[in-house]
Amino acid sequence: MRKLVLSSLILGSAFQIAVAQGSLQQNFGSGANAFTIDFVTIGNPNNTADSNSWVSSIGSVPYVFSIGKYEINQDAINKANALGGLGITLFDLGRFNMGGNGASRPATGLSFYEGAKFVNFLNSSTENQVAYKFDINGNFQPWSSSDAGFDPLNPARNKLAKYFIPTKDEWYKSAFGSPNGTWYDYATGSNTAPIPVPSGTLDNTAVYGAQTAPADVDKAGGLSKWGTMGQSGNVWEWTESAYDGLNDSPNEIGYVMGGLWQNDEAVKMSVNNRSEPRMNDQGDYFGFRVATSVPEPSSLSLLALGGVLVAVSRRKRA
């Protein structure tokens, strides 16, 4: 028994290290409507904030989390719509001669609230607590102190939820930060403006510079130091933050960051730029990416222990 426990702890530690340093693909939906989301783990909790951006301090996150490697694509929205009856409408990239629609094209034309409905579907379909509260009329509401999972530091998000839209700090850290705590001006791990491209994955490139269309989400430029793609350029992305930072009013939550394919100047994608809050605006160029919580170390050890017990049980049967 002692050897079994020791093995489980070793496996738990190894699994924890793998999650903290790598990426994870998670599955959603079912049958013909199955889809996946690739997540990149953002470690270095309690990191020092960036004090050289458009605000005095931004980007410090006190916990480990994961964020989508790519922007959410049209395939994921269409399949979630089919399964959950979400009623999310997308901007027609084909109608306006913007490269056409396709499974890997970024989902655009989304309000923050539509993104919240998609995230709630990810949670409810995997038997997790939904992240965002809507009243019986479908209106977005902050959580209240009487709700289980209420977080006074962020009333917009239920703290028991597994999937959510990243806050400005989570988004910013993923885009401009790095595992060693160094900050960069662009979400390509560089202080030099990225090379504008219509599509591709070369280092220090981004989809901007008056391009005629966004690129597929997995061809949206070079990676950040954490391994995310397209946080500079391609489409503006929603964040779960109010302009005043309080997240306590349904009419103030959500503004966009990151720039888009039609930006003609690199500075519009840099650490020194963001857009004013748009709330319920279904901007033609607005998309988003999803973030997720990372299990506590104790949970990871229990998961590994469960795997060991299953393996031992199978060996006994054999």
Protein backbone atom coordinates (compact mmCIF):
# COMPACT_ATOMS: atom_id res chain seq x y z
CA MET A 1 0.00 0.00 0.00
CA ARG A 2 2.85 2.37 0.83
CA LYS A 3 4.34 1.83 -2.64
CA LEU A 4 0.97 2.52 -4.21
CA VAL A 5 0.56 5.82 -2.40
CA LEU A 6 4.11 6.85 -3.26
CA SER A 7 3.50 6.02 -6.94
CA SER A 8 0.30 8.02 -6.94
CA LEU A 9 2.04 11.05 -5.47
CA ILE A 10 4.81 10.83 -8.03
CA LEU A 11 2.30 10.56 -10.86
CA GLY A 12 0.27 13.38 -9.37
CA SER A 13 3.34 15.63 -9.27
CA ALA A 14 4.29 14.68 -12.81
CA PHE A 15 0.76 15.39 -14.05
CA GLN A 16 0.77 18.72 -12.23
CA ILE A 17 4.05 19.71 -13.88
CA ALA A 18 2.73 18.67 -17.30
CA VAL A 19 -0.41 20.77 -16.86
CA ALA A 20 1.56 23.75 -15.58
CA GLN A 21 4.01 23.73 -18.47
CA GLY A 22 2.06 22.44 -21.44
CA SER A 23 -1.25 22.48 -23.26
CA LEU A 24 -4.40 20.45 -23.08
CA GLN A 25 -7.12 19.68 -25.60
CA GLN A 26 -10.61 19.35 -24.18
CA ASN A 27 -13.63 17.80 -25.89
CA PHE A 28 -17.15 19.17 -25.99
CA GLY A 29 -20.44 18.26 -27.63
CA SER A 30 -21.25 14.85 -29.03
CA GLY A 31 -21.69 12.92 -32.27
CA ALA A 32 -21.73 15.11 -35.35
CA ASN A 33 -21.64 18.16 -33.07
CA ALA A 34 -18.44 17.26 -31.21
CA PHE A 35 -15.68 19.88 -31.11
CA THR A 36 -12.43 20.53 -29.26
CA ILE A 37 -10.73 23.53 -27.67
CA ASP A 38 -6.95 23.67 -27.14
CA PHE A 39 -5.88 25.31 -23.89
CA VAL A 40 -2.48 26.67 -22.86
CA THR A 41 -1.67 26.77 -19.16
CA ILE A 42 -0.61 30.14 -17.74
CA GLY A 43 1.53 29.61 -14.65
CA ASN A 44 3.73 31.91 -12.54
CA PRO A 45 0.91 32.85 -10.11
CA ASN A 46 1.16 36.11 -8.15
CA ASN A 47 3.36 37.55 -10.88
CA THR A 48 4.40 41.19 -10.81
CA ALA A 49 2.05 43.39 -12.83
CA ASP A 50 3.16 45.35 -15.88
CA SER A 51 3.48 49.00 -14.88
CA ASN A 52 4.43 50.29 -18.33
CA SER A 53 1.13 49.95 -20.18
CA TRP A 54 -2.00 52.07 -20.68
CA VAL A 55 -2.92 51.61 -17.02
CA SER A 56 -0.70 51.96 -13.98
CA SER A 57 -0.77 48.24 -13.23
CA ILE A 58 -2.19 45.28 -15.18
CA GLY A 59 -1.55 41.60 -15.76
CA SER A 60 -1.01 40.23 -12.26
CA VAL A 61 -2.98 37.02 -11.67
CA PRO A 62 -2.76 35.23 -8.29
CA TYR A 63 -3.56 31.74 -9.59
CA VAL A 64 -2.72 29.28 -12.36
CA PHE A 65 -5.27 29.11 -15.17
CA SER A 66 -5.50 28.01 -18.78
CA ILE A 67 -6.60 29.99 -21.82
CA GLY A 68 -7.55 29.01 -25.34
CA LYS A 69 -4.54 28.73 -27.63
CA TYR A 70 -6.78 30.04 -30.40
CA GLU A 71 -9.79 32.29 -30.75
CA ILE A 72 -13.11 30.44 -30.76
CA ASN A 73 -13.93 29.41 -34.30
CA GLN A 74 -17.19 29.22 -36.20
CA ASP A 75 -17.33 25.44 -35.93
CA ALA A 76 -17.54 25.56 -32.13
CA ILE A 77 -20.30 28.18 -32.15
CA ASN A 78 -22.36 26.38 -34.80
CA LYS A 79 -22.15 23.07 -32.96
CA ALA A 80 -22.97 24.62 -29.59
CA ASN A 81 -25.94 26.34 -31.23
CA ALA A 82 -27.14 23.00 -32.60
CA LEU A 83 -26.84 21.24 -29.24
CA GLY A 84 -27.85 24.01 -26.86
CA GLY A 85 -30.23 26.16 -28.90
CA LEU A 86 -28.16 29.21 -27.95
CA GLY A 87 -29.37 31.37 -30.84
CA ILE A 88 -25.95 32.96 -31.36
CA THR A 89 -25.64 34.73 -34.72
CA LEU A 90 -22.33 35.20 -36.50
CA PHE A 91 -21.07 37.86 -38.86
CA ASP A 92 -21.14 36.55 -42.43
CA LEU A 93 -17.53 36.78 -43.64
CA GLY A 94 -18.54 35.38 -47.01
CA ARG A 95 -21.26 37.89 -47.74
CA PHE A 96 -18.88 40.80 -47.29
CA ASN A 97 -16.01 39.28 -49.31
CA MET A 98 -13.85 38.70 -46.24
CA GLY A 99 -12.44 35.34 -47.14
CA GLY A 100 -15.65 33.37 -46.67
CA ASN A 101 -17.05 31.38 -43.80
CA GLY A 102 -15.51 28.11 -42.67
CA ALA A 103 -15.10 25.84 -39.68
CA SER A 104 -11.71 27.31 -38.72
CA ARG A 105 -12.58 30.95 -39.36
CA PRO A 106 -12.88 33.07 -36.21
CA ALA A 107 -16.38 33.49 -34.83
CA THR A 108 -17.14 37.20 -35.22
CA GLY A 109 -20.14 39.45 -34.81
CA LEU A 110 -20.54 38.36 -31.20
CA SER A 111 -21.56 40.45 -28.23
CA PHE A 112 -20.01 39.77 -24.83
CA TYR A 113 -23.34 38.29 -23.75
CA GLU A 114 -23.37 35.82 -26.63
CA GLY A 115 -19.88 34.76 -25.66
CA ALA A 116 -21.14 34.32 -22.10
CA LYS A 117 -23.95 32.04 -23.32
CA PHE A 118 -21.44 29.90 -25.19
CA VAL A 119 -19.26 29.62 -22.09
CA ASN A 120 -22.30 28.68 -20.00
CA PHE A 121 -22.98 25.89 -22.51
CA LEU A 122 -19.42 24.59 -22.04
CA ASN A 123 -20.02 24.46 -18.30
CA SER A 124 -23.53 23.01 -18.27
CA SER A 125 -22.76 20.39 -20.93
CA THR A 126 -19.86 19.12 -18.82
CA GLU A 127 -21.88 19.22 -15.59
CA ASN A 128 -20.16 22.26 -14.15
CA GLN A 129 -21.57 25.43 -12.61
CA VAL A 130 -22.38 28.08 -15.24
CA ALA A 131 -20.14 31.15 -15.15
CA TYR A 132 -22.66 33.87 -15.98
CA LYS A 133 -26.10 34.74 -14.67
CA PHE A 134 -29.05 35.61 -16.89
CA ASP A 135 -32.52 36.46 -15.55
CA ILE A 136 -35.77 34.89 -16.79
CA ASN A 137 -35.91 37.47 -19.57
CA GLY A 138 -32.44 36.59 -20.79
CA ASN A 139 -30.80 39.71 -19.38
CA PHE A 140 -27.25 39.46 -18.04
CA GLN A 141 -26.92 40.05 -14.29
CA PRO A 142 -24.01 40.01 -11.82
CA TRP A 143 -24.13 37.30 -9.16
CA SER A 144 -25.36 38.36 -5.72
CA SER A 145 -24.14 37.50 -2.23
CA SER A 146 -27.04 35.04 -1.85
CA ASP A 147 -25.82 32.95 -4.80
CA ALA A 148 -23.52 29.98 -4.25
CA GLY A 149 -20.19 30.78 -5.88
CA PHE A 150 -20.54 34.56 -5.46
CA ASP A 151 -17.18 36.30 -5.64
CA PRO A 152 -17.20 39.85 -4.22
CA LEU A 153 -14.00 40.59 -6.13
CA ASN A 154 -15.67 39.70 -9.44
CA PRO A 155 -19.49 39.58 -9.26
CA ALA A 156 -19.71 38.92 -13.00
CA ARG A 157 -18.24 35.38 -12.78
CA ASN A 158 -19.35 32.52 -10.58
CA LYS A 159 -16.18 31.26 -8.90
CA LEU A 160 -17.41 27.65 -9.08
CA ALA A 161 -17.44 27.70 -12.90
CA LYS A 162 -14.78 25.80 -14.82
CA TYR A 163 -14.94 27.79 -18.09
CA PHE A 164 -15.14 31.57 -18.47
CA ILE A 165 -14.17 34.56 -20.59
CA PRO A 166 -10.79 35.89 -19.39
CA THR A 167 -10.59 39.11 -17.43
CA LYS A 168 -8.37 41.89 -18.75
CA ASP A 169 -5.60 40.75 -16.38
CA GLU A 170 -5.85 37.10 -17.46
CA TRP A 171 -5.99 38.09 -21.13
CA TYR A 172 -3.13 40.60 -20.81
CA LYS A 173 -0.84 38.18 -18.97
CA SER A 174 -1.45 35.49 -21.61
CA ALA A 175 -0.76 37.92 -24.44
CA PHE A 176 2.12 40.08 -23.27
CA GLY A 177 3.63 38.14 -20.38
CA SER A 178 5.99 35.18 -20.18
CA PRO A 179 6.83 32.27 -17.86
CA ASN A 180 9.82 34.16 -16.44
CA GLY A 181 7.81 37.32 -15.75
CA THR A 182 9.20 39.47 -18.59
CA TRP A 183 6.67 41.71 -20.35
CA TYR A 184 6.60 42.37 -24.10
CA ASP A 185 5.00 45.07 -26.24
CA TYR A 186 3.31 42.60 -28.59
CA ALA A 187 1.57 39.26 -28.15
CA THR A 188 4.25 37.62 -30.27
CA GLY A 189 6.88 37.66 -27.51
CA SER A 190 8.64 40.66 -28.98
CA ASN A 191 9.14 44.38 -28.44
CA THR A 192 9.49 44.81 -32.19
CA ALA A 193 6.32 45.27 -34.23
CA PRO A 194 5.28 41.98 -35.83
CA ILE A 195 5.43 41.53 -39.59
CA PRO A 196 1.94 41.89 -41.10
CA VAL A 197 0.73 38.76 -42.91
CA PRO A 198 -2.64 37.58 -44.28
CA SER A 199 -2.12 34.15 -42.71
CA GLY A 200 0.62 31.95 -41.25
CA THR A 201 2.41 30.85 -38.11
CA LEU A 202 5.93 32.28 -38.44
CA ASP A 203 7.51 33.86 -35.37
CA ASN A 204 6.73 37.55 -34.78
CA THR A 205 4.03 37.77 -37.43
CA ALA A 206 0.44 38.91 -36.96
CA VAL A 207 -2.66 39.27 -39.11
CA TYR A 208 -2.99 43.02 -39.48
CA GLY A 209 -1.82 45.75 -41.85
CA ALA A 210 -5.07 46.35 -43.75
CA GLN A 211 -5.60 42.68 -44.61
CA THR A 212 -8.80 41.88 -46.50
CA ALA A 213 -9.91 39.13 -44.13
CA PRO A 214 -9.09 37.40 -40.85
CA ALA A 215 -7.05 34.20 -40.95
CA ASP A 216 -8.16 30.80 -39.69
CA VAL A 217 -7.67 30.79 -35.93
CA ASP A 218 -4.78 28.28 -36.16
CA LYS A 219 -2.97 30.40 -38.77
CA ALA A 220 -3.25 33.77 -37.07
CA GLY A 221 0.45 34.56 -36.64
CA GLY A 222 3.34 33.80 -34.33
CA LEU A 223 2.86 32.60 -30.78
CA SER A 224 3.12 34.55 -27.54
CA LYS A 225 5.70 33.46 -24.99
CA TRP A 226 2.99 31.38 -23.31
CA GLY A 227 2.00 29.75 -26.61
CA THR A 228 -1.22 31.56 -27.53
CA MET A 229 -1.93 32.66 -31.10
CA GLY A 230 -3.67 35.74 -32.49
CA GLN A 231 -3.82 37.92 -29.40
CA SER A 232 -2.21 40.57 -31.56
CA GLY A 233 -4.37 41.08 -34.65
CA ASN A 234 -6.94 38.90 -36.42
CA VAL A 235 -10.05 39.89 -34.38
CA TRP A 236 -10.80 42.05 -31.38
CA GLU A 237 -11.41 39.82 -28.35
CA TRP A 238 -13.85 40.29 -25.50
CA THR A 239 -12.61 40.37 -21.93
CA GLU A 240 -14.66 39.86 -18.80
CA SER A 241 -13.90 43.25 -17.28
CA ALA A 242 -15.75 46.50 -16.83
CA TYR A 243 -14.07 49.75 -17.74
CA ASP A 244 -14.14 50.81 -14.08
CA GLY A 245 -12.82 47.40 -13.00
CA LEU A 246 -15.69 46.65 -10.59
CA ASN A 247 -17.72 44.12 -12.64
CA ASP A 248 -20.83 44.94 -10.61
CA SER A 249 -23.12 46.39 -13.31
CA PRO A 250 -24.70 44.39 -16.16
CA ASN A 251 -24.34 47.37 -18.50
CA GLU A 252 -20.61 47.87 -18.03
CA ILE A 253 -19.05 44.42 -18.28
CA GLY A 254 -16.91 43.56 -21.27
CA TYR A 255 -14.52 45.42 -23.51
CA VAL A 256 -12.26 44.26 -26.29
CA MET A 257 -8.48 43.99 -26.67
CA GLY A 258 -5.95 42.82 -29.23
CA GLY A 259 -6.66 44.63 -32.50
CA LEU A 260 -7.92 43.17 -35.78
CA TRP A 261 -6.94 42.26 -39.31
CA GLN A 262 -7.87 45.68 -40.72
CA ASN A 263 -5.64 47.67 -38.34
CA ASP A 264 -3.06 49.47 -40.43
CA GLU A 265 -0.69 50.27 -37.54
CA ALA A 266 1.04 47.84 -35.19
CA VAL A 267 0.59 50.16 -32.21
CA LYS A 268 -3.14 49.39 -32.32
CA MET A 269 -2.31 45.83 -31.20
CA SER A 270 0.32 46.71 -28.62
CA VAL A 271 0.22 46.91 -24.82
CA ASN A 272 -0.66 50.59 -25.15
CA ASN A 273 -4.00 50.09 -26.86
CA ARG A 274 -7.48 48.82 -26.04
CA SER A 275 -11.02 49.60 -27.15
CA GLU A 276 -13.73 51.30 -25.14
CA PRO A 277 -16.33 48.99 -23.60
CA ARG A 278 -19.08 47.93 -26.02
CA MET A 279 -21.33 45.83 -23.75
CA ASN A 280 -24.06 44.38 -25.97
CA ASP A 281 -22.51 45.53 -29.25
CA GLN A 282 -22.37 42.75 -31.85
CA GLY A 283 -19.36 44.25 -33.59
CA ASP A 284 -18.52 42.69 -36.94
CA TYR A 285 -14.92 42.30 -35.82
CA PHE A 286 -15.50 41.08 -32.24
CA GLY A 287 -14.61 37.53 -31.22
CA PHE A 288 -13.28 35.91 -28.06
CA ARG A 289 -11.33 33.05 -26.54
CA VAL A 290 -12.23 30.89 -23.55
CA ALA A 291 -10.28 30.38 -20.33
CA THR A 292 -10.55 27.60 -17.77
CA SER A 293 -9.53 26.93 -14.20
CA VAL A 294 -6.76 24.47 -13.39
CA PRO A 295 -7.39 21.78 -10.72
CA GLU A 296 -5.75 22.23 -7.34
CA PRO A 297 -2.65 20.05 -6.73
CA SER A 298 -4.67 17.84 -4.34
CA SER A 299 -7.20 17.16 -7.09
CA LEU A 300 -4.45 16.26 -9.52
CA SER A 301 -2.96 13.81 -7.02
CA LEU A 302 -6.35 12.19 -6.48
CA LEU A 303 -6.82 11.93 -10.23
CA ALA A 304 -3.46 10.23 -10.59
CA LEU A 305 -4.25 7.95 -7.65
CA GLY A 306 -7.49 6.96 -9.32
CA GLY A 307 -5.55 5.99 -12.43
CA VAL A 308 -3.16 3.87 -10.38
CA LEU A 309 -6.02 2.08 -8.60
CA VAL A 310 -7.69 1.32 -11.92
CA ALA A 311 -4.43 -0.06 -13.29
CA VAL A 312 -3.87 -2.24 -10.20
CA SER A 313 -7.44 -3.51 -10.35
CA ARG A 314 -7.03 -4.47 -14.00
CA ARG A 315 -3.79 -6.30 -13.27
CA LYS A 316 -5.50 -8.30 -10.51
CA ARG A 317 -8.29 -9.33 -12.86
CA ALA A 318 -5.76 -10.41 -15.44
